[in-house]
Amino acid sequence: MAATMSKNRPKPTADEASYIVAASERIAWYGEDVPCPRCEKKLLYNEFGNSYEIACSDEDCIRMGFRGL
């Protein structure tokens, strides 16, 4: 089986990063649907223990991960 590398996505700008942090709170606390700042598709919230990831429903778009303590 051959290993595959994920596509390189452009890093989020400072404005996009602050939008995603605020969106993660709106999604996790209030269950709101929040659009992606790049393509307007839905942002998805995934928890992994004490960390979480916010990603666009379009796999080639934006994705940010956050770690807890």
PDB file of N, CA and C in Angstrom:
ATOM      1  N   MET A   1       0.852  -1.170   0.000  1.00  0.00           N
ATOM      2  CA  MET A   1       0.000   0.000   0.000  1.00  0.00           C
ATOM      3  C   MET A   1       0.898   1.233   0.000  1.00  0.00           C
ATOM      4  N   ALA A   2       0.614   2.154  -0.860  1.00  0.00           N
ATOM      5  CA  ALA A   2       1.399   3.382  -0.964  1.00  0.00           C
ATOM      6  C   ALA A   2       0.856   4.436  -0.007  1.00  0.00           C
ATOM      7  N   ALA A   3       1.768   5.164   0.603  1.00  0.00           N
ATOM      8  CA  ALA A   3       1.365   6.260   1.492  1.00  0.00           C
ATOM      9  C   ALA A   3       0.990   7.470   0.649  1.00  0.00           C
ATOM     10  N   THR A   4      -0.012   8.184   1.086  1.00  0.00           N
ATOM     11  CA  THR A   4      -0.411   9.390   0.366  1.00  0.00           C
ATOM     12  C   THR A   4      -0.236  10.590   1.276  1.00  0.00           C
ATOM     13  N   MET A   5       0.142  11.671   0.696  1.00  0.00           N
ATOM     14  CA  MET A   5       0.315  12.915   1.441  1.00  0.00           C
ATOM     15  C   MET A   5      -0.919  13.776   1.231  1.00  0.00           C
ATOM     16  N   SER A   6      -1.321  14.470   2.288  1.00  0.00           N
ATOM     17  CA  SER A   6      -2.453  15.371   2.136  1.00  0.00           C
ATOM     18  C   SER A   6      -2.020  16.593   1.339  1.00  0.00           C
ATOM     19  N   LYS A   7      -2.985  17.216   0.692  1.00  0.00           N
ATOM     20  CA  LYS A   7      -2.700  18.399  -0.111  1.00  0.00           C
ATOM     21  C   LYS A   7      -2.327  19.564   0.793  1.00  0.00           C
ATOM     22  N   ASN A   8      -1.418  20.375   0.315  1.00  0.00           N
ATOM     23  CA  ASN A   8      -1.051  21.576   1.070  1.00  0.00           C
ATOM     24  C   ASN A   8      -2.134  22.624   0.897  1.00  0.00           C
ATOM     25  N   ARG A   9      -2.681  23.061   2.014  1.00  0.00           N
ATOM     26  CA  ARG A   9      -3.678  24.130   2.007  1.00  0.00           C
ATOM     27  C   ARG A   9      -2.970  25.416   2.397  1.00  0.00           C
ATOM     28  N   PRO A  10      -3.409  26.534   1.869  1.00  0.00           N
ATOM     29  CA  PRO A  10      -2.834  27.801   2.348  1.00  0.00           C
ATOM     30  C   PRO A  10      -3.152  27.988   3.828  1.00  0.00           C
ATOM     31  N   LYS A  11      -2.189  28.498   4.575  1.00  0.00           N
ATOM     32  CA  LYS A  11      -2.425  28.739   5.993  1.00  0.00           C
ATOM     33  C   LYS A  11      -3.481  29.818   6.153  1.00  0.00           C
ATOM     34  N   PRO A  12      -4.289  29.697   7.212  1.00  0.00           N
ATOM     35  CA  PRO A  12      -5.317  30.718   7.448  1.00  0.00           C
ATOM     36  C   PRO A  12      -4.677  32.074   7.758  1.00  0.00           C
ATOM     37  N   THR A  13      -5.292  33.125   7.270  1.00  0.00           N
ATOM     38  CA  THR A  13      -4.844  34.473   7.608  1.00  0.00           C
ATOM     39  C   THR A  13      -5.257  34.772   9.043  1.00  0.00           C
ATOM     40  N   ALA A  14      -4.781  35.864   9.590  1.00  0.00           N
ATOM     41  CA  ALA A  14      -5.141  36.249  10.958  1.00  0.00           C
ATOM     42  C   ALA A  14      -6.648  36.471  11.083  1.00  0.00           C
ATOM     43  N   ASP A  15      -7.254  37.087  10.076  1.00  0.00           N
ATOM     44  CA  ASP A  15      -8.706  37.310  10.104  1.00  0.00           C
ATOM     45  C   ASP A  15      -9.471  35.994  10.058  1.00  0.00           C
ATOM     46  N   GLU A  16      -9.017  35.062   9.194  1.00  0.00           N
ATOM     47  CA  GLU A  16      -9.677  33.762   9.112  1.00  0.00           C
ATOM     48  C   GLU A  16      -9.520  32.985  10.422  1.00  0.00           C
ATOM     49  N   ALA A  17      -8.345  33.045  11.024  1.00  0.00           N
ATOM     50  CA  ALA A  17      -8.094  32.329  12.278  1.00  0.00           C
ATOM     51  C   ALA A  17      -8.996  32.847  13.395  1.00  0.00           C
ATOM     52  N   SER A  18      -9.125  34.162  13.523  1.00  0.00           N
ATOM     53  CA  SER A  18      -9.988  34.701  14.576  1.00  0.00           C
ATOM     54  C   SER A  18     -11.454  34.365  14.302  1.00  0.00           C
ATOM     55  N   TYR A  19     -11.851  34.344  13.028  1.00  0.00           N
ATOM     56  CA  TYR A  19     -13.214  33.950  12.660  1.00  0.00           C
ATOM     57  C   TYR A  19     -13.464  32.499  13.059  1.00  0.00           C
ATOM     58  N   ILE A  20     -12.505  31.627  12.808  1.00  0.00           N
ATOM     59  CA  ILE A  20     -12.668  30.207  13.110  1.00  0.00           C
ATOM     60  C   ILE A  20     -12.716  29.961  14.614  1.00  0.00           C
ATOM     61  N   VAL A  21     -11.938  30.685  15.384  1.00  0.00           N
ATOM     62  CA  VAL A  21     -11.994  30.553  16.846  1.00  0.00           C
ATOM     63  C   VAL A  21     -13.387  30.932  17.344  1.00  0.00           C
ATOM     64  N   ALA A  22     -13.915  32.045  16.862  1.00  0.00           N
ATOM     65  CA  ALA A  22     -15.264  32.467  17.253  1.00  0.00           C
ATOM     66  C   ALA A  22     -16.307  31.465  16.759  1.00  0.00           C
ATOM     67  N   ALA A  23     -16.104  30.935  15.550  1.00  0.00           N
ATOM     68  CA  ALA A  23     -17.041  29.948  14.997  1.00  0.00           C
ATOM     69  C   ALA A  23     -17.036  28.670  15.818  1.00  0.00           C
ATOM     70  N   SER A  24     -15.877  28.271  16.329  1.00  0.00           N
ATOM     71  CA  SER A  24     -15.820  27.042  17.130  1.00  0.00           C
ATOM     72  C   SER A  24     -16.651  27.180  18.399  1.00  0.00           C
ATOM     73  N   GLU A  25     -16.641  28.351  18.996  1.00  0.00           N
ATOM     74  CA  GLU A  25     -17.470  28.591  20.182  1.00  0.00           C
ATOM     75  C   GLU A  25     -18.954  28.545  19.819  1.00  0.00           C
ATOM     76  N   ARG A  26     -19.322  29.165  18.714  1.00  0.00           N
ATOM     77  CA  ARG A  26     -20.724  29.178  18.293  1.00  0.00           C
ATOM     78  C   ARG A  26     -21.218  27.781  17.964  1.00  0.00           C
ATOM     79  N   ILE A  27     -20.365  26.966  17.342  1.00  0.00           N
ATOM     80  CA  ILE A  27     -20.764  25.609  16.973  1.00  0.00           C
ATOM     81  C   ILE A  27     -20.857  24.730  18.217  1.00  0.00           C
ATOM     82  N   ALA A  28     -19.810  24.752  19.064  1.00  0.00           N
ATOM     83  CA  ALA A  28     -19.755  23.857  20.232  1.00  0.00           C
ATOM     84  C   ALA A  28     -20.778  24.240  21.292  1.00  0.00           C
ATOM     85  N   TRP A  29     -20.942  25.510  21.578  1.00  0.00           N
ATOM     86  CA  TRP A  29     -21.813  25.939  22.677  1.00  0.00           C
ATOM     87  C   TRP A  29     -23.268  26.055  22.272  1.00  0.00           C
ATOM     88  N   TYR A  30     -23.522  26.555  21.063  1.00  0.00           N
ATOM     89  CA  TYR A  30     -24.900  26.849  20.663  1.00  0.00           C
ATOM     90  C   TYR A  30     -25.424  25.963  19.535  1.00  0.00           C
ATOM     91  N   GLY A  31     -24.571  25.132  18.936  1.00  0.00           N
ATOM     92  CA  GLY A  31     -25.008  24.245  17.862  1.00  0.00           C
ATOM     93  C   GLY A  31     -25.375  24.948  16.569  1.00  0.00           C
ATOM     94  N   GLU A  32     -24.828  26.140  16.368  1.00  0.00           N
ATOM     95  CA  GLU A  32     -25.143  26.913  15.161  1.00  0.00           C
ATOM     96  C   GLU A  32     -24.411  26.342  13.945  1.00  0.00           C
ATOM     97  N   ASP A  33     -24.978  26.555  12.765  1.00  0.00           N
ATOM     98  CA  ASP A  33     -24.285  26.275  11.511  1.00  0.00           C
ATOM     99  C   ASP A  33     -23.549  27.544  11.111  1.00  0.00           C
ATOM    100  N   VAL A  34     -22.241  27.424  10.943  1.00  0.00           N
ATOM    101  CA  VAL A  34     -21.415  28.591  10.626  1.00  0.00           C
ATOM    102  C   VAL A  34     -20.756  28.357   9.270  1.00  0.00           C
ATOM    103  N   PRO A  35     -20.822  29.337   8.355  1.00  0.00           N
ATOM    104  CA  PRO A  35     -20.208  29.164   7.037  1.00  0.00           C
ATOM    105  C   PRO A  35     -18.688  29.349   7.078  1.00  0.00           C
ATOM    106  N   CYS A  36     -18.029  28.704   6.150  1.00  0.00           N
ATOM    107  CA  CYS A  36     -16.575  28.823   5.987  1.00  0.00           C
ATOM    108  C   CYS A  36     -16.244  30.244   5.516  1.00  0.00           C
ATOM    109  N   PRO A  37     -15.163  30.844   6.033  1.00  0.00           N
ATOM    110  CA  PRO A  37     -14.811  32.196   5.600  1.00  0.00           C
ATOM    111  C   PRO A  37     -14.278  32.249   4.173  1.00  0.00           C
ATOM    112  N   ARG A  38     -13.865  31.116   3.620  1.00  0.00           N
ATOM    113  CA  ARG A  38     -13.323  31.101   2.266  1.00  0.00           C
ATOM    114  C   ARG A  38     -14.354  30.774   1.199  1.00  0.00           C
ATOM    115  N   CYS A  39     -15.167  29.746   1.442  1.00  0.00           N
ATOM    116  CA  CYS A  39     -16.046  29.263   0.369  1.00  0.00           C
ATOM    117  C   CYS A  39     -17.526  29.265   0.737  1.00  0.00           C
ATOM    118  N   GLU A  40     -17.867  29.643   1.959  1.00  0.00           N
ATOM    119  CA  GLU A  40     -19.253  29.731   2.434  1.00  0.00           C
ATOM    120  C   GLU A  40     -19.935  28.374   2.639  1.00  0.00           C
ATOM    121  N   LYS A  41     -19.192  27.259   2.539  1.00  0.00           N
ATOM    122  CA  LYS A  41     -19.773  25.961   2.871  1.00  0.00           C
ATOM    123  C   LYS A  41     -19.763  25.811   4.386  1.00  0.00           C
ATOM    124  N   LYS A  42     -20.392  24.780   4.897  1.00  0.00           N
ATOM    125  CA  LYS A  42     -20.535  24.579   6.338  1.00  0.00           C
ATOM    126  C   LYS A  42     -19.206  24.176   6.996  1.00  0.00           C
ATOM    127  N   LEU A  43     -18.914  24.772   8.163  1.00  0.00           N
ATOM    128  CA  LEU A  43     -17.763  24.361   8.960  1.00  0.00           C
ATOM    129  C   LEU A  43     -18.180  23.192   9.849  1.00  0.00           C
ATOM    130  N   LEU A  44     -17.291  22.219   9.994  1.00  0.00           N
ATOM    131  CA  LEU A  44     -17.545  21.035  10.799  1.00  0.00           C
ATOM    132  C   LEU A  44     -16.674  21.067  12.049  1.00  0.00           C
ATOM    133  N   TYR A  45     -17.217  20.634  13.172  1.00  0.00           N
ATOM    134  CA  TYR A  45     -16.527  20.617  14.460  1.00  0.00           C
ATOM    135  C   TYR A  45     -16.350  19.165  14.883  1.00  0.00           C
ATOM    136  N   ASN A  46     -15.104  18.742  15.114  1.00  0.00           N
ATOM    137  CA  ASN A  46     -14.812  17.368  15.520  1.00  0.00           C
ATOM    138  C   ASN A  46     -13.980  17.391  16.797  1.00  0.00           C
ATOM    139  N   GLU A  47     -14.447  16.681  17.842  1.00  0.00           N
ATOM    140  CA  GLU A  47     -13.707  16.594  19.101  1.00  0.00           C
ATOM    141  C   GLU A  47     -12.894  15.317  19.127  1.00  0.00           C
ATOM    142  N   PHE A  48     -11.681  15.408  19.699  1.00  0.00           N
ATOM    143  CA  PHE A  48     -10.787  14.273  19.884  1.00  0.00           C
ATOM    144  C   PHE A  48     -10.223  14.362  21.297  1.00  0.00           C
ATOM    145  N   GLY A  49     -10.920  13.813  22.278  1.00  0.00           N
ATOM    146  CA  GLY A  49     -10.470  13.916  23.671  1.00  0.00           C
ATOM    147  C   GLY A  49     -10.524  15.360  24.133  1.00  0.00           C
ATOM    148  N   ASN A  50      -9.362  15.918  24.494  1.00  0.00           N
ATOM    149  CA  ASN A  50      -9.330  17.312  24.933  1.00  0.00           C
ATOM    150  C   ASN A  50      -8.870  18.253  23.817  1.00  0.00           C
ATOM    151  N   SER A  51      -8.890  17.796  22.588  1.00  0.00           N
ATOM    152  CA  SER A  51      -8.564  18.660  21.453  1.00  0.00           C
ATOM    153  C   SER A  51      -9.733  18.631  20.465  1.00  0.00           C
ATOM    154  N   TYR A  52      -9.718  19.559  19.523  1.00  0.00           N
ATOM    155  CA  TYR A  52     -10.775  19.603  18.522  1.00  0.00           C
ATOM    156  C   TYR A  52     -10.253  20.195  17.236  1.00  0.00           C
ATOM    157  N   GLU A  53     -11.014  19.994  16.187  1.00  0.00           N
ATOM    158  CA  GLU A  53     -10.655  20.469  14.857  1.00  0.00           C
ATOM    159  C   GLU A  53     -11.875  21.150  14.247  1.00  0.00           C
ATOM    160  N   ILE A  54     -11.627  22.261  13.576  1.00  0.00           N
ATOM    161  CA  ILE A  54     -12.649  22.933  12.779  1.00  0.00           C
ATOM    162  C   ILE A  54     -12.200  22.810  11.331  1.00  0.00           C
ATOM    163  N   ALA A  55     -13.066  22.273  10.493  1.00  0.00           N
ATOM    164  CA  ALA A  55     -12.712  22.063   9.095  1.00  0.00           C
ATOM    165  C   ALA A  55     -13.905  22.381   8.217  1.00  0.00           C
ATOM    166  N   CYS A  56     -13.610  22.834   7.032  1.00  0.00           N
ATOM    167  CA  CYS A  56     -14.659  23.081   6.044  1.00  0.00           C
ATOM    168  C   CYS A  56     -15.165  21.738   5.529  1.00  0.00           C
ATOM    169  N   SER A  57     -16.419  21.680   5.129  1.00  0.00           N
ATOM    170  CA  SER A  57     -16.965  20.440   4.574  1.00  0.00           C
ATOM    171  C   SER A  57     -16.302  20.099   3.236  1.00  0.00           C
ATOM    172  N   ASP A  58     -15.678  21.080   2.589  1.00  0.00           N
ATOM    173  CA  ASP A  58     -14.876  20.846   1.389  1.00  0.00           C
ATOM    174  C   ASP A  58     -13.464  20.483   1.855  1.00  0.00           C
ATOM    175  N   GLU A  59     -13.028  19.261   1.586  1.00  0.00           N
ATOM    176  CA  GLU A  59     -11.752  18.768   2.109  1.00  0.00           C
ATOM    177  C   GLU A  59     -10.540  19.571   1.646  1.00  0.00           C
ATOM    178  N   ASP A  60     -10.639  20.270   0.535  1.00  0.00           N
ATOM    179  CA  ASP A  60      -9.503  21.025   0.013  1.00  0.00           C
ATOM    180  C   ASP A  60      -9.458  22.459   0.526  1.00  0.00           C
ATOM    181  N   CYS A  61     -10.331  22.798   1.447  1.00  0.00           N
ATOM    182  CA  CYS A  61     -10.420  24.174   1.938  1.00  0.00           C
ATOM    183  C   CYS A  61      -9.685  24.303   3.276  1.00  0.00           C
ATOM    184  N   ILE A  62     -10.221  25.064   4.175  1.00  0.00           N
ATOM    185  CA  ILE A  62      -9.554  25.431   5.421  1.00  0.00           C
ATOM    186  C   ILE A  62      -9.741  24.371   6.511  1.00  0.00           C
ATOM    187  N   ARG A  63      -8.720  24.232   7.386  1.00  0.00           N
ATOM    188  CA  ARG A  63      -8.777  23.300   8.507  1.00  0.00           C
ATOM    189  C   ARG A  63      -7.825  23.799   9.591  1.00  0.00           C
ATOM    190  N   MET A  64      -8.327  23.827  10.828  1.00  0.00           N
ATOM    191  CA  MET A  64      -7.503  24.233  11.968  1.00  0.00           C
ATOM    192  C   MET A  64      -7.743  23.280  13.126  1.00  0.00           C
ATOM    193  N   GLY A  65      -6.676  22.936  13.839  1.00  0.00           N
ATOM    194  CA  GLY A  65      -6.792  22.073  15.001  1.00  0.00           C
ATOM    195  C   GLY A  65      -6.394  22.826  16.248  1.00  0.00           C
ATOM    196  N   PHE A  66      -6.985  22.455  17.385  1.00  0.00           N
ATOM    197  CA  PHE A  66      -6.724  23.097  18.667  1.00  0.00           C
ATOM    198  C   PHE A  66      -6.516  22.008  19.720  1.00  0.00           C
ATOM    199  N   ARG A  67      -5.515  22.202  20.589  1.00  0.00           N
ATOM    200  CA  ARG A  67      -5.240  21.233  21.639  1.00  0.00           C
ATOM    201  C   ARG A  67      -5.536  21.817  22.992  1.00  0.00           C
ATOM    202  N   GLY A  68      -6.032  20.979  23.876  1.00  0.00           N
ATOM    203  CA  GLY A  68      -6.281  21.386  25.259  1.00  0.00           C
ATOM    204  C   GLY A  68      -5.094  21.027  26.134  1.00  0.00           C
ATOM    205  N   LEU A  69      -5.277  21.117  27.423  1.00  0.00           N
ATOM    206  CA  LEU A  69      -4.209  20.793  28.355  1.00  0.00           C
ATOM    207  C   LEU A  69      -4.154  19.324  28.655  1.00  0.00           C
TER     208      LEU A  69
END
